[in-house]
Every structure is written in structure tokens, then in C-alpha cells.
Amino acid sequence: MMVRIFSHVFGAVLLLLVLGVGGLRAESDYFQEIDAGLHVGMFIAPTPSTSGDSTILVIRVSPAEYEFRLLTAREIGNKGMTVRQWCISFGLIAGINAGMFQADHLTHAGYMKNGDHVLSAGVSSQYLSALAFNPAGPDAQGIRIFDLDEVALSDVAKKYHTVIQNLRLIKRPRENKWSQQDRIWSEAALGQDKSGNILFIFSRSPYSMHDFNNILLELPIDIVCAQHLEGGAQASVYLSHKGVEIDEQGCIKHACDETEGLEGVWRIPNVLGFFKKTNEIGRNP
């Protein structure tokens, strides 16, 4: 039986109770194990949001067990799909925004390379974080978030087949790089912990990025770095695996209630997802 989880409806405590059924095994007080190397945690933020339930969803993924994939509308010749549709169509366990996109609703806002295709050649001096995976040689780590004021983007692009440049949230090791601001929004973010696990992070409740970064640094998730993927109604995350389904999107407005935005799901042109290494479904041809 599929357990459908919507954090803005059920809330953090009930989510953890739901994850405790159906044979799912508790790894700790903070995360629940869905499968080997795949854990989900829902945390009540130490700083309350101005609206919503102030919960932070974290999907923790071990690169030893799972393979990551960038999917783009430009490469498959369509105008994008919801994150849920991307995952179902390509056999992904989970997916999240790959980053912000330009007015054409196709082109990534920073540099983006996927295999032999440079999908966005525009390098932004303001985007100081790069996710890189699919190493081009044995001297590169399997997947890593790089700080581009510490290593040149051109050097990263030489060593990896897939590179996604985004705005930085947290610099290694654990430095909040955003000053305080008045603007707040729902957030989809990508992080990496001290063990090298990748973190899909989502908050429907709106925060300033300064406060959001501080919340992540306070949570028991061992985060060392993070990048911004998307904010507002476009921010989306989806997971379906072992009888658990998580389907989340951000708020259209700064004030989130339990129904606002549920029907207007955005089509996303670029999605980051993963699947089990032992599972051929979704593997690059």
C-alpha cells in the first residue's frame, strides 16, 4: 500500500509516525530509513516561519547506493513537466528542481553541462556553487558540491560530465553566505553532509535565506554546504519508493495556508533525480 505524505497537510510529527509503519526502519530519532542508503527526515525548524507549519523536509541519499541524473526539457524536446511527471516518466526514485531558469522556461540560469551537451554556457559571477557528478576520470570524487571561489568552474567542468552552477547558500565548511533580507519564500535546496551524502531539502514555509541557512546549520543533519535550487511556487520535490510517496511544492504567496497552490503545479524544465545503482530503469542510454 502506498503511503502518501504531504507535509503541509500532516505536519512533522505525524509524518514521522507515518514513516514508522509499513516495515520502514527507524535509523535514528531524526531520520527514517526507506531503503539502504535512503533516509527521510522532517524537522520542526528552531525558528518559526511567519506562516505554514515551519517544517523542513530532508531526503538523504548515499552516492554509494544511488546514481544521480540530470534531466532537461531541451534535451528531450519538450516544454518541461512537473517533478512528479519527470520521475514517473524516467523511473527516478526522487527528483527536485535542478536550478532556476530563464524567461524562455528552458534555459538554466547559470552554467549547465550534461554529457557532451553544454545546455547553458552562461557563467554567472554571482553563482558561486556548482554541483558536479559523472566523473570524467578516476581522480574526481563521484559527486560533490564545489565552492567556485575556491576552485574554477572551468576546472570542475573538465573533470565532470555533469555540472550545474547555482546560487550558493552555505560555503564549506558550514558558512552562511547570505546576509539578512526582508524577502522570504518557499525553498528547494541541495546540500551535502560531512559523509558525502546528498541532501534534497525542501521548506514550504517561507524564510529569508539567511534564516533558512541558519536553520539548516542548527539541524542534526551534518550539513557542510548547500546551494539554492528554486524558490516560491516553482520549488518542488517528489519521491516514490517502497510504498512511500512525497509530493511537495512551494507557495505562490509569502503566506502559505494548507490549500493555497495545491492545484497550480509548475512544469519544471530541468530536474535533478536519482535511482538505485542496481536498477537499470532510468539509466542513461
C-alpha atoms as a PDB file:
ATOM      1  CA  MET A   1       0.000   0.000   0.000  1.00  0.00           C
ATOM      2  CA  MET A   2       1.323   3.434  -0.967  1.00  0.00           C
ATOM      3  CA  VAL A   3       1.746   5.844   1.943  1.00  0.00           C
ATOM      4  CA  ARG A   4       1.183   9.343   0.568  1.00  0.00           C
ATOM      5  CA  ILE A   5       2.922  12.081   2.548  1.00  0.00           C
ATOM      6  CA  PHE A   6       2.197  15.804   2.210  1.00  0.00           C
ATOM      7  CA  SER A   7       3.985  17.686   4.984  1.00  0.00           C
ATOM      8  CA  HIS A   8       1.853  20.833   4.661  1.00  0.00           C
ATOM      9  CA  VAL A   9      -1.216  18.718   5.439  1.00  0.00           C
ATOM     10  CA  PHE A  10       0.009  16.218   8.016  1.00  0.00           C
ATOM     11  CA  GLY A  11       2.798  18.064   9.797  1.00  0.00           C
ATOM     12  CA  ALA A  12       6.151  16.878  11.072  1.00  0.00           C
ATOM     13  CA  VAL A  13       5.106  14.690  13.985  1.00  0.00           C
ATOM     14  CA  LEU A  14       2.522  12.732  12.016  1.00  0.00           C
ATOM     15  CA  LEU A  15       4.966  12.344   9.135  1.00  0.00           C
ATOM     16  CA  LEU A  16       7.405  10.560  11.395  1.00  0.00           C
ATOM     17  CA  LEU A  17       4.614   8.366  12.705  1.00  0.00           C
ATOM     18  CA  VAL A  18       3.519   7.507   9.166  1.00  0.00           C
ATOM     19  CA  LEU A  19       7.075   6.653   8.196  1.00  0.00           C
ATOM     20  CA  GLY A  20       7.189   4.249  11.113  1.00  0.00           C
ATOM     21  CA  VAL A  21       4.613   1.932   9.543  1.00  0.00           C
ATOM     22  CA  GLY A  22       4.785  -0.473   6.639  1.00  0.00           C
ATOM     23  CA  GLY A  23       8.092  -2.054   7.604  1.00  0.00           C
ATOM     24  CA  LEU A  24      10.176   1.136   7.400  1.00  0.00           C
ATOM     25  CA  ARG A  25      13.004   1.032   9.930  1.00  0.00           C
ATOM     26  CA  ALA A  26      13.967   3.946  12.162  1.00  0.00           C
ATOM     27  CA  GLU A  27      17.649   4.791  11.776  1.00  0.00           C
ATOM     28  CA  SER A  28      17.656   7.443  14.497  1.00  0.00           C
ATOM     29  CA  ASP A  29      15.410   9.947  16.196  1.00  0.00           C
ATOM     30  CA  TYR A  30      15.796  12.227  13.172  1.00  0.00           C
ATOM     31  CA  PHE A  31      15.709  10.122  10.009  1.00  0.00           C
ATOM     32  CA  GLN A  32      13.650   7.175   8.881  1.00  0.00           C
ATOM     33  CA  GLU A  33      15.136   4.584   6.546  1.00  0.00           C
ATOM     34  CA  ILE A  34      13.159   3.942   3.351  1.00  0.00           C
ATOM     35  CA  ASP A  35      15.832   1.763   1.716  1.00  0.00           C
ATOM     36  CA  ALA A  36      19.545   1.130   2.074  1.00  0.00           C
ATOM     37  CA  GLY A  37      21.279   4.489   1.823  1.00  0.00           C
ATOM     38  CA  LEU A  38      17.998   6.420   1.528  1.00  0.00           C
ATOM     39  CA  HIS A  39      16.529   8.251   4.521  1.00  0.00           C
ATOM     40  CA  VAL A  40      13.845  10.875   5.062  1.00  0.00           C
ATOM     41  CA  GLY A  41      13.623  13.353   7.914  1.00  0.00           C
ATOM     42  CA  MET A  42      11.057  16.025   8.726  1.00  0.00           C
ATOM     43  CA  PHE A  43      12.249  18.655  11.183  1.00  0.00           C
ATOM     44  CA  ILE A  44      10.411  21.390  13.041  1.00  0.00           C
ATOM     45  CA  ALA A  45      12.542  24.463  12.394  1.00  0.00           C
ATOM     46  CA  PRO A  46      14.020  26.072  15.531  1.00  0.00           C
ATOM     47  CA  THR A  47      12.975  29.436  14.045  1.00  0.00           C
ATOM     48  CA  PRO A  48       9.230  29.578  13.286  1.00  0.00           C
ATOM     49  CA  SER A  49       8.109  30.840   9.888  1.00  0.00           C
ATOM     50  CA  THR A  50       5.591  33.643   9.545  1.00  0.00           C
ATOM     51  CA  SER A  51       3.181  31.076   8.027  1.00  0.00           C
ATOM     52  CA  GLY A  52       2.862  27.363   7.388  1.00  0.00           C
ATOM     53  CA  ASP A  53       3.990  24.605   9.732  1.00  0.00           C
ATOM     54  CA  SER A  54       7.710  25.562   9.877  1.00  0.00           C
ATOM     55  CA  THR A  55       8.886  22.109   8.868  1.00  0.00           C
ATOM     56  CA  ILE A  56      11.945  21.240   6.804  1.00  0.00           C
ATOM     57  CA  LEU A  57      11.980  18.080   4.676  1.00  0.00           C
ATOM     58  CA  VAL A  58      15.370  16.425   4.133  1.00  0.00           C
ATOM     59  CA  ILE A  59      15.891  13.438   1.825  1.00  0.00           C
ATOM     60  CA  ARG A  60      19.356  11.994   2.458  1.00  0.00           C
ATOM     61  CA  VAL A  61      20.886   9.965  -0.365  1.00  0.00           C
ATOM     62  CA  SER A  62      24.085   7.881  -0.292  1.00  0.00           C
ATOM     63  CA  PRO A  63      26.088   8.160  -3.541  1.00  0.00           C
ATOM     64  CA  ALA A  64      27.392   4.651  -2.850  1.00  0.00           C
ATOM     65  CA  GLU A  65      23.889   3.238  -3.348  1.00  0.00           C
ATOM     66  CA  TYR A  66      22.273   5.665  -5.804  1.00  0.00           C
ATOM     67  CA  GLU A  67      23.138   7.214  -9.147  1.00  0.00           C
ATOM     68  CA  PHE A  68      22.225  10.781  -9.987  1.00  0.00           C
ATOM     69  CA  ARG A  69      20.844  12.084 -13.251  1.00  0.00           C
ATOM     70  CA  LEU A  70      20.119  15.496 -14.744  1.00  0.00           C
ATOM     71  CA  LEU A  71      17.030  15.586 -16.971  1.00  0.00           C
ATOM     72  CA  THR A  72      16.349  18.592 -19.190  1.00  0.00           C
ATOM     73  CA  ALA A  73      13.440  19.581 -21.413  1.00  0.00           C
ATOM     74  CA  ARG A  74      15.845  20.923 -24.025  1.00  0.00           C
ATOM     75  CA  GLU A  75      17.456  17.505 -24.474  1.00  0.00           C
ATOM     76  CA  ILE A  76      14.198  15.596 -24.868  1.00  0.00           C
ATOM     77  CA  GLY A  77      12.440  18.287 -26.898  1.00  0.00           C
ATOM     78  CA  ASN A  78       9.541  19.302 -24.684  1.00  0.00           C
ATOM     79  CA  LYS A  79       8.493  22.256 -22.529  1.00  0.00           C
ATOM     80  CA  GLY A  80       9.045  20.591 -19.201  1.00  0.00           C
ATOM     81  CA  MET A  81       6.932  18.573 -16.789  1.00  0.00           C
ATOM     82  CA  THR A  82       6.094  18.596 -13.114  1.00  0.00           C
ATOM     83  CA  VAL A  83       8.777  16.992 -10.970  1.00  0.00           C
ATOM     84  CA  ARG A  84       6.385  14.124 -10.325  1.00  0.00           C
ATOM     85  CA  GLN A  85       5.917  13.579 -14.072  1.00  0.00           C
ATOM     86  CA  TRP A  86       9.681  13.666 -14.653  1.00  0.00           C
ATOM     87  CA  CYS A  87      10.199  10.990 -12.003  1.00  0.00           C
ATOM     88  CA  ILE A  88       7.441   8.705 -13.279  1.00  0.00           C
ATOM     89  CA  SER A  89       8.445   9.116 -16.929  1.00  0.00           C
ATOM     90  CA  PHE A  90      12.124   8.321 -16.339  1.00  0.00           C
ATOM     91  CA  GLY A  91      11.953   5.839 -13.477  1.00  0.00           C
ATOM     92  CA  LEU A  92      13.507   8.089 -10.856  1.00  0.00           C
ATOM     93  CA  ILE A  93      13.043   7.405  -7.170  1.00  0.00           C
ATOM     94  CA  ALA A  94      13.023  11.139  -6.435  1.00  0.00           C
ATOM     95  CA  GLY A  95      13.523  14.464  -8.140  1.00  0.00           C
ATOM     96  CA  ILE A  96      13.954  18.135  -7.329  1.00  0.00           C
ATOM     97  CA  ASN A  97      14.496  21.375  -9.267  1.00  0.00           C
ATOM     98  CA  ALA A  98      17.935  21.468 -10.881  1.00  0.00           C
ATOM     99  CA  GLY A  99      18.023  25.258 -10.505  1.00  0.00           C
ATOM    100  CA  MET A 100      16.414  28.486 -11.626  1.00  0.00           C
ATOM    101  CA  PHE A 101      15.621  29.021 -15.297  1.00  0.00           C
ATOM    102  CA  GLN A 102      15.403  31.956 -17.682  1.00  0.00           C
ATOM    103  CA  ALA A 103      12.352  33.616 -19.286  1.00  0.00           C
ATOM    104  CA  ASP A 104      12.215  31.030 -22.083  1.00  0.00           C
ATOM    105  CA  HIS A 105      11.301  28.431 -19.404  1.00  0.00           C
ATOM    106  CA  LEU A 106      14.048  26.157 -20.760  1.00  0.00           C
ATOM    107  CA  THR A 107      17.496  27.616 -20.192  1.00  0.00           C
ATOM    108  CA  HIS A 108      19.226  27.190 -16.849  1.00  0.00           C
ATOM    109  CA  ALA A 109      20.175  30.498 -15.197  1.00  0.00           C
ATOM    110  CA  GLY A 110      23.839  29.506 -14.711  1.00  0.00           C
ATOM    111  CA  TYR A 111      26.266  27.195 -16.442  1.00  0.00           C
ATOM    112  CA  MET A 112      24.902  23.719 -17.148  1.00  0.00           C
ATOM    113  CA  LYS A 113      26.564  20.768 -18.858  1.00  0.00           C
ATOM    114  CA  ASN A 114      25.180  17.263 -19.274  1.00  0.00           C
ATOM    115  CA  GLY A 115      27.435  14.779 -21.018  1.00  0.00           C
ATOM    116  CA  ASP A 116      28.504  16.236 -24.377  1.00  0.00           C
ATOM    117  CA  HIS A 117      25.817  18.921 -24.267  1.00  0.00           C
ATOM    118  CA  VAL A 118      26.503  22.387 -22.852  1.00  0.00           C
ATOM    119  CA  LEU A 119      22.903  23.354 -22.177  1.00  0.00           C
ATOM    120  CA  SER A 120      23.709  26.793 -20.790  1.00  0.00           C
ATOM    121  CA  ALA A 121      27.060  28.414 -21.491  1.00  0.00           C
ATOM    122  CA  GLY A 122      26.314  31.496 -19.427  1.00  0.00           C
ATOM    123  CA  VAL A 123      28.612  31.615 -16.405  1.00  0.00           C
ATOM    124  CA  SER A 124      27.333  33.853 -13.606  1.00  0.00           C
ATOM    125  CA  SER A 125      29.851  35.508 -11.318  1.00  0.00           C
ATOM    126  CA  GLN A 126      27.109  35.614  -8.675  1.00  0.00           C
ATOM    127  CA  TYR A 127      26.574  31.853  -8.751  1.00  0.00           C
ATOM    128  CA  LEU A 128      29.358  30.529  -6.537  1.00  0.00           C
ATOM    129  CA  SER A 129      28.219  26.912  -6.160  1.00  0.00           C
ATOM    130  CA  ALA A 130      28.460  24.027  -8.619  1.00  0.00           C
ATOM    131  CA  LEU A 131      27.138  20.501  -8.310  1.00  0.00           C
ATOM    132  CA  ALA A 132      29.271  18.054 -10.281  1.00  0.00           C
ATOM    133  CA  PHE A 133      28.844  14.326 -10.918  1.00  0.00           C
ATOM    134  CA  ASN A 134      29.549  11.712 -13.587  1.00  0.00           C
ATOM    135  CA  PRO A 135      33.367  11.985 -13.263  1.00  0.00           C
ATOM    136  CA  ALA A 136      35.386  12.163 -16.470  1.00  0.00           C
ATOM    137  CA  GLY A 137      38.322  10.374 -14.842  1.00  0.00           C
ATOM    138  CA  PRO A 138      39.412   8.421 -11.759  1.00  0.00           C
ATOM    139  CA  ASP A 139      40.852  11.477  -9.987  1.00  0.00           C
ATOM    140  CA  ALA A 140      37.420  13.082  -9.402  1.00  0.00           C
ATOM    141  CA  GLN A 141      35.064  12.397  -6.492  1.00  0.00           C
ATOM    142  CA  GLY A 142      31.795  10.735  -7.535  1.00  0.00           C
ATOM    143  CA  ILE A 143      29.552  13.698  -6.683  1.00  0.00           C
ATOM    144  CA  ARG A 144      30.416  16.955  -4.966  1.00  0.00           C
ATOM    145  CA  ILE A 145      29.199  20.498  -4.420  1.00  0.00           C
ATOM    146  CA  PHE A 146      32.090  22.872  -5.178  1.00  0.00           C
ATOM    147  CA  ASP A 147      32.658  26.447  -3.991  1.00  0.00           C
ATOM    148  CA  LEU A 148      33.597  28.440  -7.078  1.00  0.00           C
ATOM    149  CA  ASP A 149      35.641  30.990  -5.152  1.00  0.00           C
ATOM    150  CA  GLU A 150      37.881  28.064  -4.162  1.00  0.00           C
ATOM    151  CA  VAL A 151      38.066  26.219  -7.494  1.00  0.00           C
ATOM    152  CA  ALA A 152      37.462  27.497 -11.039  1.00  0.00           C
ATOM    153  CA  LEU A 153      34.299  26.379 -12.791  1.00  0.00           C
ATOM    154  CA  SER A 154      36.380  25.555 -15.885  1.00  0.00           C
ATOM    155  CA  ASP A 155      38.434  23.088 -13.827  1.00  0.00           C
ATOM    156  CA  VAL A 156      35.289  21.441 -12.476  1.00  0.00           C
ATOM    157  CA  ALA A 157      33.840  21.168 -15.989  1.00  0.00           C
ATOM    158  CA  LYS A 158      36.993  19.391 -17.197  1.00  0.00           C
ATOM    159  CA  LYS A 159      36.697  16.706 -14.530  1.00  0.00           C
ATOM    160  CA  TYR A 160      32.949  16.003 -14.669  1.00  0.00           C
ATOM    161  CA  HIS A 161      30.444  15.229 -17.402  1.00  0.00           C
ATOM    162  CA  THR A 162      27.542  16.826 -15.494  1.00  0.00           C
ATOM    163  CA  VAL A 163      27.899  20.281 -13.920  1.00  0.00           C
ATOM    164  CA  ILE A 164      25.145  22.568 -12.603  1.00  0.00           C
ATOM    165  CA  GLN A 165      26.020  26.082 -11.415  1.00  0.00           C
ATOM    166  CA  ASN A 166      23.678  27.668  -8.869  1.00  0.00           C
ATOM    167  CA  LEU A 167      23.475  30.339  -6.210  1.00  0.00           C
ATOM    168  CA  ARG A 168      25.342  29.381  -3.068  1.00  0.00           C
ATOM    169  CA  LEU A 169      23.641  29.165   0.307  1.00  0.00           C
ATOM    170  CA  ILE A 170      26.290  27.623   2.589  1.00  0.00           C
ATOM    171  CA  LYS A 171      30.017  27.523   1.873  1.00  0.00           C
ATOM    172  CA  ARG A 172      32.224  24.703   3.075  1.00  0.00           C
ATOM    173  CA  PRO A 173      32.648  24.182   5.911  1.00  0.00           C
ATOM    174  CA  ARG A 174      29.297  25.428   7.273  1.00  0.00           C
ATOM    175  CA  GLU A 175      29.468  29.164   6.498  1.00  0.00           C
ATOM    176  CA  ASN A 176      26.200  31.051   5.940  1.00  0.00           C
ATOM    177  CA  LYS A 177      26.839  33.291   2.905  1.00  0.00           C
ATOM    178  CA  TRP A 178      23.553  35.249   2.893  1.00  0.00           C
ATOM    179  CA  SER A 179      23.047  38.490   4.775  1.00  0.00           C
ATOM    180  CA  GLN A 180      19.627  39.194   6.253  1.00  0.00           C
ATOM    181  CA  GLN A 181      16.910  40.475   3.917  1.00  0.00           C
ATOM    182  CA  ASP A 182      13.177  41.183   4.020  1.00  0.00           C
ATOM    183  CA  ARG A 183      12.224  38.822   1.177  1.00  0.00           C
ATOM    184  CA  ILE A 184      11.038  35.344   2.145  1.00  0.00           C
ATOM    185  CA  TRP A 185       9.953  32.352   0.058  1.00  0.00           C
ATOM    186  CA  SER A 186       9.411  28.593  -0.013  1.00  0.00           C
ATOM    187  CA  GLU A 187      12.715  26.900  -0.770  1.00  0.00           C
ATOM    188  CA  ALA A 188      14.112  23.903  -2.621  1.00  0.00           C
ATOM    189  CA  ALA A 189      17.818  23.442  -1.918  1.00  0.00           C
ATOM    190  CA  LEU A 190      20.601  20.923  -2.382  1.00  0.00           C
ATOM    191  CA  GLY A 191      23.127  20.100   0.302  1.00  0.00           C
ATOM    192  CA  GLN A 192      25.964  17.740   1.108  1.00  0.00           C
ATOM    193  CA  ASP A 193      26.786  16.416   4.555  1.00  0.00           C
ATOM    194  CA  LYS A 194      30.136  15.628   6.143  1.00  0.00           C
ATOM    195  CA  SER A 195      29.908  11.994   4.998  1.00  0.00           C
ATOM    196  CA  GLY A 196      29.372  12.993   1.364  1.00  0.00           C
ATOM    197  CA  ASN A 197      25.648  12.198   1.282  1.00  0.00           C
ATOM    198  CA  ILE A 198      23.483  14.379  -0.940  1.00  0.00           C
ATOM    199  CA  LEU A 199      20.562  16.179   0.716  1.00  0.00           C
ATOM    200  CA  PHE A 200      17.369  17.141  -1.119  1.00  0.00           C
ATOM    201  CA  ILE A 201      15.974  19.915   1.099  1.00  0.00           C
ATOM    202  CA  PHE A 202      12.519  21.494   0.957  1.00  0.00           C
ATOM    203  CA  SER A 203      10.613  24.022   3.042  1.00  0.00           C
ATOM    204  CA  ARG A 204       7.099  25.051   2.044  1.00  0.00           C
ATOM    205  CA  SER A 205       7.045  27.533   4.901  1.00  0.00           C
ATOM    206  CA  PRO A 206       8.738  30.739   3.699  1.00  0.00           C
ATOM    207  CA  TYR A 207      12.008  32.019   5.160  1.00  0.00           C
ATOM    208  CA  SER A 208      14.677  34.529   4.296  1.00  0.00           C
ATOM    209  CA  MET A 209      17.720  32.663   3.024  1.00  0.00           C
ATOM    210  CA  HIS A 210      19.803  34.000   5.906  1.00  0.00           C
ATOM    211  CA  ASP A 211      17.410  32.434   8.401  1.00  0.00           C
ATOM    212  CA  PHE A 212      16.981  29.290   6.298  1.00  0.00           C
ATOM    213  CA  ASN A 213      20.747  28.723   6.211  1.00  0.00           C
ATOM    214  CA  ASN A 214      20.998  29.157   9.966  1.00  0.00           C
ATOM    215  CA  ILE A 215      18.177  26.646  10.433  1.00  0.00           C
ATOM    216  CA  LEU A 216      19.999  24.085   8.272  1.00  0.00           C
ATOM    217  CA  LEU A 217      23.186  24.619  10.262  1.00  0.00           C
ATOM    218  CA  GLU A 218      21.288  24.051  13.522  1.00  0.00           C
ATOM    219  CA  LEU A 219      19.524  20.870  12.392  1.00  0.00           C
ATOM    220  CA  PRO A 220      21.109  17.463  13.198  1.00  0.00           C
ATOM    221  CA  ILE A 221      21.859  16.717   9.529  1.00  0.00           C
ATOM    222  CA  ASP A 222      25.646  17.346   9.492  1.00  0.00           C
ATOM    223  CA  ILE A 223      25.345  19.699   6.514  1.00  0.00           C
ATOM    224  CA  VAL A 224      28.601  21.271   5.296  1.00  0.00           C
ATOM    225  CA  CYS A 225      27.469  23.108   2.145  1.00  0.00           C
ATOM    226  CA  ALA A 226      24.324  23.935   0.192  1.00  0.00           C
ATOM    227  CA  GLN A 227      23.062  25.654  -2.936  1.00  0.00           C
ATOM    228  CA  HIS A 228      19.771  27.330  -3.842  1.00  0.00           C
ATOM    229  CA  LEU A 229      17.704  25.489  -6.429  1.00  0.00           C
ATOM    230  CA  GLU A 230      14.381  27.331  -6.608  1.00  0.00           C
ATOM    231  CA  GLY A 231      12.006  29.421  -4.550  1.00  0.00           C
ATOM    232  CA  GLY A 232       8.277  30.082  -4.415  1.00  0.00           C
ATOM    233  CA  ALA A 233       5.663  28.102  -6.305  1.00  0.00           C
ATOM    234  CA  GLN A 234       8.239  26.576  -8.675  1.00  0.00           C
ATOM    235  CA  ALA A 235      10.079  24.879  -5.798  1.00  0.00           C
ATOM    236  CA  SER A 236       9.153  21.183  -5.987  1.00  0.00           C
ATOM    237  CA  VAL A 237      10.264  17.795  -4.733  1.00  0.00           C
ATOM    238  CA  TYR A 238       8.892  14.321  -5.333  1.00  0.00           C
ATOM    239  CA  LEU A 239       9.746  10.837  -4.035  1.00  0.00           C
ATOM    240  CA  SER A 240       8.065   7.489  -4.586  1.00  0.00           C
ATOM    241  CA  HIS A 241       9.750   4.353  -3.286  1.00  0.00           C
ATOM    242  CA  LYS A 242       8.984   1.306  -1.145  1.00  0.00           C
ATOM    243  CA  GLY A 243       5.376   2.352  -0.569  1.00  0.00           C
ATOM    244  CA  VAL A 244       6.185   5.951   0.416  1.00  0.00           C
ATOM    245  CA  GLU A 245       5.231   8.932  -1.735  1.00  0.00           C
ATOM    246  CA  ILE A 246       6.199  12.529  -1.008  1.00  0.00           C
ATOM    247  CA  ASP A 247       4.858  15.252  -3.293  1.00  0.00           C
ATOM    248  CA  GLU A 248       5.600  18.869  -2.372  1.00  0.00           C
ATOM    249  CA  GLN A 249       5.569  22.286  -4.000  1.00  0.00           C
ATOM    250  CA  GLY A 250       6.137  25.793  -2.725  1.00  0.00           C
ATOM    251  CA  CYS A 251       3.673  28.589  -2.115  1.00  0.00           C
ATOM    252  CA  ILE A 252       2.629  31.162  -4.674  1.00  0.00           C
ATOM    253  CA  LYS A 253       2.461  33.833  -1.974  1.00  0.00           C
ATOM    254  CA  HIS A 254       4.603  34.507   1.066  1.00  0.00           C
ATOM    255  CA  ALA A 255       1.729  33.404   3.299  1.00  0.00           C
ATOM    256  CA  CYS A 256       1.044  29.669   2.953  1.00  0.00           C
ATOM    257  CA  ASP A 257      -2.144  28.030   4.051  1.00  0.00           C
ATOM    258  CA  GLU A 258      -2.993  24.348   3.697  1.00  0.00           C
ATOM    259  CA  THR A 259      -4.699  24.645   0.315  1.00  0.00           C
ATOM    260  CA  GLU A 260      -3.019  27.550  -1.477  1.00  0.00           C
ATOM    261  CA  GLY A 261      -1.029  26.431  -4.508  1.00  0.00           C
ATOM    262  CA  LEU A 262      -2.018  22.759  -4.437  1.00  0.00           C
ATOM    263  CA  GLU A 263      -3.627  22.776  -7.891  1.00  0.00           C
ATOM    264  CA  GLY A 264      -1.202  25.022  -9.765  1.00  0.00           C
ATOM    265  CA  VAL A 265       1.751  22.655 -10.061  1.00  0.00           C
ATOM    266  CA  TRP A 266       4.567  24.114 -12.140  1.00  0.00           C
ATOM    267  CA  ARG A 267       6.177  22.435 -15.121  1.00  0.00           C
ATOM    268  CA  ILE A 268       9.924  22.342 -14.488  1.00  0.00           C
ATOM    269  CA  PRO A 269      12.417  22.340 -17.400  1.00  0.00           C
ATOM    270  CA  ASN A 270      15.424  20.926 -15.542  1.00  0.00           C
ATOM    271  CA  VAL A 271      15.268  18.273 -12.842  1.00  0.00           C
ATOM    272  CA  LEU A 272      17.872  16.519 -10.700  1.00  0.00           C
ATOM    273  CA  GLY A 273      16.965  12.974  -9.653  1.00  0.00           C
ATOM    274  CA  PHE A 274      18.367   9.615  -8.670  1.00  0.00           C
ATOM    275  CA  PHE A 275      17.777   5.871  -8.916  1.00  0.00           C
ATOM    276  CA  LYS A 276      19.368   2.785  -7.380  1.00  0.00           C
ATOM    277  CA  LYS A 277      22.617   1.692  -8.954  1.00  0.00           C
ATOM    278  CA  THR A 278      21.313  -1.873  -9.104  1.00  0.00           C
ATOM    279  CA  ASN A 279      18.231  -0.731 -11.031  1.00  0.00           C
ATOM    280  CA  GLU A 280      18.632  -0.285 -14.787  1.00  0.00           C
ATOM    281  CA  ILE A 281      15.435   1.780 -15.061  1.00  0.00           C
ATOM    282  CA  GLY A 282      16.246   5.411 -15.683  1.00  0.00           C
ATOM    283  CA  ARG A 283      19.869   4.697 -16.550  1.00  0.00           C
ATOM    284  CA  ASN A 284      21.434   6.812 -19.297  1.00  0.00           C
ATOM    285  CA  PRO A 285      21.370   5.004 -22.658  1.00  0.00           C
END
